[in-house]
Amino acid sequence: MFLTDAATAFRTFLFIVAVGALGVAFAGQENVQRLTIVADEWCPYNCDPTSERPGYIVELATAVFADAGYQVQYITEPWSRAIVDTESGEFDGLIGGGRTEVPNFVFPEVEQGVARHALFTLTDTTWIYSGPESLEGVSLGVIASYSYGTFNERYILPQLAAGNPHIQVVGGDKGLELNLRKLAEGRIQSVAEDSHVFWWRSLDSPDDKLKYREAGVLDYEKVYIAFSPANKHSAELARVLSNGTMALRRSGELQKILARYGMHDWINGRVEQSKSD
């Protein structure tokens, strides 16, 4: 009888331990918070959410915030809408935002990259961008709400306000593809885009290097995950991201992430040439 009671008691003890462990596991899951970041596809910064390579900023954020107890959810939508939806608090963070682009957002101290905004044309043209005056009479394709560093404020918006018919603005989540189609059809003569983003296409379309040429640099711009001004936790999220970005750099993990996209740490490149930050 004693042995039977002891065995029963032991089994009861194991059951209690198992239930307790399960409860801890569920509690841990409940403590994991969801962090939603959004943008239009801007690969290699942020790519197809279903891809094995969703973008280096997405991978950076996932690594940083996992350590802080967050599960990162990345979704895509047109850039103009992404700005509005993040500003309202529907989403937590905007991927690739610049300080002049969304000045009322909450920014980390440390950037998540440096964009190199440039103009591109077909290879059978010889036109070179040498400043705003060189754009006179040149039709230019741009994407709605993109800052292009400070070029949007310095040139695009004033020209649109003045009724310049040569500035053509497209929206949607496939703005670059639409602009390239217009370029091929002769409807525009030049396209504005980040050079990393533009040439990323050549990985899937090697002929792009034969079709297009860079015609000049517009601006350099530090880019961030910019957090919603409507979220009371944004300042803390920005702090976590700053510290986490630096920690990944020190450990070498940042370069490992960047290497998956054929890139190098921007801090060793031309970050000092950023004019808009």
Protein backbone atom coordinates (compact mmCIF):
# COMPACT_ATOMS: atom_id res chain seq x y z
CA MET A 1 0.00 0.00 0.00
CA PHE A 2 2.83 2.39 0.84
CA LEU A 3 4.54 1.77 -2.52
CA THR A 4 1.29 2.31 -4.39
CA ASP A 5 0.62 5.57 -2.56
CA ALA A 6 4.18 6.71 -3.23
CA ALA A 7 3.88 5.92 -6.94
CA THR A 8 0.57 7.75 -7.15
CA ALA A 9 2.02 10.73 -5.36
CA PHE A 10 5.02 10.76 -7.72
CA ARG A 11 2.80 10.65 -10.80
CA THR A 12 0.74 13.49 -9.35
CA PHE A 13 3.92 15.48 -8.80
CA LEU A 14 5.01 14.92 -12.41
CA PHE A 15 1.58 16.02 -13.66
CA ILE A 16 1.78 19.22 -11.61
CA VAL A 17 5.28 19.95 -12.93
CA ALA A 18 4.14 19.32 -16.51
CA VAL A 19 1.12 21.58 -16.15
CA GLY A 20 3.29 24.23 -14.57
CA ALA A 21 5.79 24.05 -17.41
CA LEU A 22 3.00 24.28 -19.95
CA GLY A 23 1.64 27.30 -18.16
CA VAL A 24 5.05 28.95 -18.25
CA ALA A 25 5.27 28.22 -21.98
CA PHE A 26 1.87 29.77 -22.63
CA ALA A 27 2.74 32.71 -20.41
CA GLY A 28 5.91 33.21 -22.43
CA GLN A 29 3.90 33.25 -25.62
CA GLU A 30 1.50 35.76 -24.14
CA ASN A 31 4.43 37.99 -23.18
CA VAL A 32 5.71 38.10 -26.76
CA GLN A 33 4.39 41.31 -28.31
CA ARG A 34 3.75 41.82 -32.00
CA LEU A 35 5.54 44.66 -33.75
CA THR A 36 4.24 45.51 -37.22
CA ILE A 37 6.48 47.25 -39.74
CA VAL A 38 5.35 48.32 -43.20
CA ALA A 39 6.51 49.77 -46.53
CA ASP A 40 6.20 49.21 -50.22
CA GLU A 41 8.74 46.73 -51.60
CA TRP A 42 12.11 48.44 -51.78
CA CYS A 43 14.53 45.59 -52.15
CA PRO A 44 17.21 45.01 -50.85
CA TYR A 45 16.06 47.16 -47.90
CA ASN A 46 12.70 45.37 -47.68
CA CYS A 47 11.56 42.79 -50.21
CA ASP A 48 8.78 40.25 -50.71
CA PRO A 49 7.51 39.28 -47.22
CA THR A 50 7.17 35.64 -48.34
CA SER A 51 10.74 35.44 -49.65
CA GLU A 52 13.64 33.69 -47.94
CA ARG A 53 15.30 37.10 -48.21
CA PRO A 54 12.63 39.57 -47.03
CA GLY A 55 15.10 42.45 -46.97
CA TYR A 56 18.10 43.25 -44.83
CA ILE A 57 16.27 45.86 -42.71
CA VAL A 58 13.52 43.33 -42.04
CA GLU A 59 16.10 40.74 -40.96
CA LEU A 60 17.89 43.34 -38.85
CA ALA A 61 14.66 44.32 -37.09
CA THR A 62 13.63 40.71 -36.56
CA ALA A 63 16.95 39.92 -34.88
CA VAL A 64 16.98 43.04 -32.70
CA PHE A 65 13.41 42.88 -31.48
CA ALA A 66 13.36 39.12 -30.87
CA ASP A 67 15.83 39.73 -28.04
CA ALA A 68 13.48 42.37 -26.63
CA GLY A 69 10.46 40.05 -26.63
CA TYR A 70 8.83 41.17 -29.87
CA GLN A 71 7.66 39.19 -32.85
CA VAL A 72 8.11 41.29 -35.98
CA GLN A 73 5.39 41.20 -38.61
CA TYR A 74 6.30 42.76 -41.94
CA ILE A 75 3.67 43.70 -44.52
CA THR A 76 3.67 45.72 -47.73
CA GLU A 77 1.38 48.38 -49.12
CA PRO A 78 1.84 51.49 -51.31
CA TRP A 79 4.25 54.00 -49.80
CA SER A 80 1.81 56.88 -49.44
CA ARG A 81 -0.66 54.66 -47.61
CA ALA A 82 2.07 53.12 -45.47
CA ILE A 83 3.00 56.59 -44.23
CA VAL A 84 -0.61 57.47 -43.38
CA ASP A 85 -1.35 54.14 -41.71
CA THR A 86 1.80 54.26 -39.59
CA GLU A 87 1.21 57.87 -38.63
CA SER A 88 -2.27 56.98 -37.39
CA GLY A 89 -0.92 54.12 -35.27
CA GLU A 90 -2.32 51.25 -37.32
CA PHE A 91 1.26 50.05 -37.78
CA ASP A 92 4.23 50.49 -35.47
CA GLY A 93 7.06 51.29 -37.83
CA LEU A 94 7.74 52.57 -41.35
CA ILE A 95 10.68 50.89 -43.11
CA GLY A 96 13.06 53.17 -44.98
CA GLY A 97 11.71 56.47 -43.72
CA GLY A 98 13.88 59.60 -43.81
CA ARG A 99 13.88 62.47 -41.33
CA THR A 100 12.75 65.03 -43.89
CA GLU A 101 10.20 62.61 -45.30
CA VAL A 102 8.21 61.94 -42.11
CA PRO A 103 9.55 64.55 -39.67
CA ASN A 104 6.86 63.96 -37.04
CA PHE A 105 7.74 60.28 -36.65
CA VAL A 106 9.96 58.93 -33.85
CA PHE A 107 13.45 58.05 -35.09
CA PRO A 108 16.20 55.89 -33.62
CA GLU A 109 19.51 57.66 -33.15
CA VAL A 110 21.26 55.08 -35.32
CA GLU A 111 20.19 54.70 -38.95
CA GLN A 112 19.44 51.37 -40.63
CA GLY A 113 21.07 52.28 -43.92
CA VAL A 114 22.03 55.03 -46.34
CA ALA A 115 20.13 55.50 -49.58
CA ARG A 116 21.91 56.71 -52.69
CA HIS A 117 19.29 58.47 -54.79
CA ALA A 118 20.13 58.77 -58.48
CA LEU A 119 18.66 59.28 -61.93
CA PHE A 120 18.61 56.53 -64.56
CA THR A 121 18.08 56.56 -68.30
CA LEU A 122 18.26 54.13 -71.21
CA THR A 123 21.78 53.34 -72.36
CA ASP A 124 21.25 54.87 -75.78
CA THR A 125 21.07 58.37 -74.29
CA THR A 126 24.00 60.61 -73.35
CA TRP A 127 22.20 63.05 -71.03
CA ILE A 128 23.89 63.64 -67.66
CA TYR A 129 22.31 65.14 -64.55
CA SER A 130 24.47 68.01 -63.29
CA GLY A 131 21.94 69.84 -61.13
CA PRO A 132 18.30 70.92 -61.29
CA GLU A 133 19.00 73.22 -64.24
CA SER A 134 20.04 70.21 -66.33
CA LEU A 135 16.51 68.80 -65.95
CA GLU A 136 14.95 71.57 -68.01
CA GLY A 137 12.85 69.90 -70.69
CA VAL A 138 13.67 66.40 -69.41
CA SER A 139 10.65 64.26 -68.46
CA LEU A 140 11.19 62.60 -65.09
CA GLY A 141 9.37 59.66 -63.49
CA VAL A 142 9.03 59.71 -59.68
CA ILE A 143 7.01 57.82 -57.07
CA ALA A 144 4.40 59.57 -54.93
CA SER A 145 5.57 60.63 -51.46
CA TYR A 146 9.16 59.50 -51.99
CA SER A 147 11.62 62.04 -50.62
CA TYR A 148 14.71 61.19 -52.73
CA GLY A 149 16.72 62.75 -49.94
CA THR A 150 15.85 66.43 -50.12
CA PHE A 151 15.21 66.35 -53.89
CA ASN A 152 11.44 66.11 -53.43
CA GLU A 153 11.34 69.36 -51.45
CA ARG A 154 14.05 71.11 -53.45
CA TYR A 155 12.80 70.31 -56.93
CA ILE A 156 9.85 67.95 -57.41
CA LEU A 157 7.24 69.70 -55.25
CA PRO A 158 8.06 73.24 -56.47
CA GLN A 159 8.00 72.06 -60.09
CA LEU A 160 4.66 70.32 -59.61
CA ALA A 161 3.26 73.46 -57.97
CA ALA A 162 4.46 75.47 -60.96
CA GLY A 163 2.69 73.09 -63.32
CA ASN A 164 5.78 71.51 -64.87
CA PRO A 165 4.38 68.82 -67.21
CA HIS A 166 7.71 66.99 -67.32
CA ILE A 167 7.35 65.66 -63.74
CA GLN A 168 5.28 62.48 -63.85
CA VAL A 169 4.22 60.95 -60.53
CA VAL A 170 3.09 57.33 -60.13
CA GLY A 171 1.64 55.60 -57.09
CA GLY A 172 0.88 52.02 -56.09
CA ASP A 173 3.22 49.35 -54.79
CA LYS A 174 5.00 48.77 -58.14
CA GLY A 175 6.12 52.30 -58.86
CA LEU A 176 9.56 51.46 -60.19
CA GLU A 177 8.22 48.82 -62.59
CA LEU A 178 5.66 51.31 -63.90
CA ASN A 179 8.29 54.00 -64.38
CA LEU A 180 10.59 51.59 -66.23
CA ARG A 181 7.73 50.63 -68.52
CA LYS A 182 7.13 54.30 -69.27
CA LEU A 183 10.85 54.78 -69.86
CA ALA A 184 10.93 51.88 -72.34
CA GLU A 185 7.90 53.29 -74.16
CA GLY A 186 9.49 56.74 -74.45
CA ARG A 187 6.89 58.40 -72.23
CA ILE A 188 9.59 59.64 -69.86
CA GLN A 189 13.33 60.16 -70.29
CA SER A 190 14.62 59.54 -66.77
CA VAL A 191 13.69 57.68 -63.59
CA ALA A 192 14.58 58.62 -60.03
CA GLU A 193 15.42 55.73 -57.70
CA ASP A 194 17.84 54.54 -55.05
CA SER A 195 20.78 52.92 -56.81
CA HIS A 196 20.76 49.81 -54.56
CA VAL A 197 17.09 49.28 -55.38
CA PHE A 198 17.51 49.96 -59.08
CA TRP A 199 20.36 47.54 -59.63
CA TRP A 200 18.88 44.86 -57.38
CA ARG A 201 16.59 44.12 -60.29
CA SER A 202 19.55 42.93 -62.34
CA LEU A 203 19.85 39.82 -60.15
CA ASP A 204 16.65 38.55 -61.76
CA SER A 205 17.03 40.50 -65.01
CA PRO A 206 20.73 40.57 -66.02
CA ASP A 207 19.82 42.43 -69.22
CA ASP A 208 18.98 45.47 -67.07
CA LYS A 209 22.67 46.33 -66.93
CA LEU A 210 22.61 46.57 -70.71
CA LYS A 211 19.36 48.54 -70.89
CA TYR A 212 19.98 51.24 -68.30
CA ARG A 213 22.66 53.61 -67.13
CA GLU A 214 23.07 55.90 -64.16
CA ALA A 215 22.94 59.54 -65.22
CA GLY A 216 23.85 61.25 -61.95
CA VAL A 217 23.40 61.27 -58.17
CA LEU A 218 20.64 63.34 -56.57
CA ASP A 219 21.32 62.93 -52.87
CA TYR A 220 22.43 60.63 -50.06
CA GLU A 221 20.01 60.00 -47.22
CA LYS A 222 20.11 58.08 -43.97
CA VAL A 223 17.11 55.75 -43.76
CA TYR A 224 15.49 54.30 -40.65
CA ILE A 225 12.64 52.31 -39.30
CA ALA A 226 10.63 55.36 -38.25
CA PHE A 227 8.09 54.73 -35.51
CA SER A 228 4.52 55.92 -35.26
CA PRO A 229 3.96 59.24 -33.47
CA ALA A 230 0.66 57.78 -32.24
CA ASN A 231 2.32 54.93 -30.33
CA LYS A 232 3.31 55.77 -26.75
CA HIS A 233 6.01 53.08 -26.89
CA SER A 234 7.74 54.48 -29.97
CA ALA A 235 10.56 56.20 -28.08
CA GLU A 236 11.43 52.93 -26.35
CA LEU A 237 11.20 50.99 -29.61
CA ALA A 238 13.55 53.51 -31.22
CA ARG A 239 16.02 53.14 -28.35
CA VAL A 240 15.93 49.34 -28.60
CA LEU A 241 16.53 49.51 -32.35
CA SER A 242 19.47 51.92 -31.99
CA ASN A 243 21.16 49.77 -29.38
CA GLY A 244 20.38 46.59 -31.27
CA THR A 245 21.75 47.92 -34.57
CA MET A 246 25.03 48.84 -32.87
CA ALA A 247 25.16 45.46 -31.10
CA LEU A 248 24.71 43.61 -34.39
CA ARG A 249 27.49 45.71 -35.90
CA ARG A 250 29.88 44.95 -33.03
CA SER A 251 29.15 41.23 -33.13
CA GLY A 252 29.56 40.96 -36.90
CA GLU A 253 25.98 39.77 -37.36
CA LEU A 254 25.01 42.91 -39.26
CA GLN A 255 27.58 42.21 -41.97
CA LYS A 256 26.37 38.60 -42.18
CA ILE A 257 22.84 39.86 -42.83
CA LEU A 258 24.05 42.40 -45.39
CA ALA A 259 26.16 39.77 -47.16
CA ARG A 260 22.98 37.84 -47.98
CA TYR A 261 22.08 40.84 -50.16
CA GLY A 262 25.52 41.45 -51.61
CA MET A 263 25.99 44.57 -49.49
CA HIS A 264 28.50 45.99 -47.02
CA ASP A 265 28.04 47.99 -43.83
CA TRP A 266 27.14 51.54 -44.86
CA ILE A 267 29.18 52.98 -41.99
CA ASN A 268 32.30 52.00 -43.95
CA GLY A 269 31.00 53.59 -47.14
CA ARG A 270 29.73 57.03 -48.04
CA VAL A 271 27.51 57.78 -45.08
CA GLU A 272 29.39 61.04 -44.53
CA GLN A 273 27.94 62.31 -47.81
CA SER A 274 24.37 62.24 -46.51
CA LYS A 275 23.09 65.79 -47.08
CA SER A 276 19.61 65.40 -45.71
CA ASP A 277 20.22 64.29 -42.14
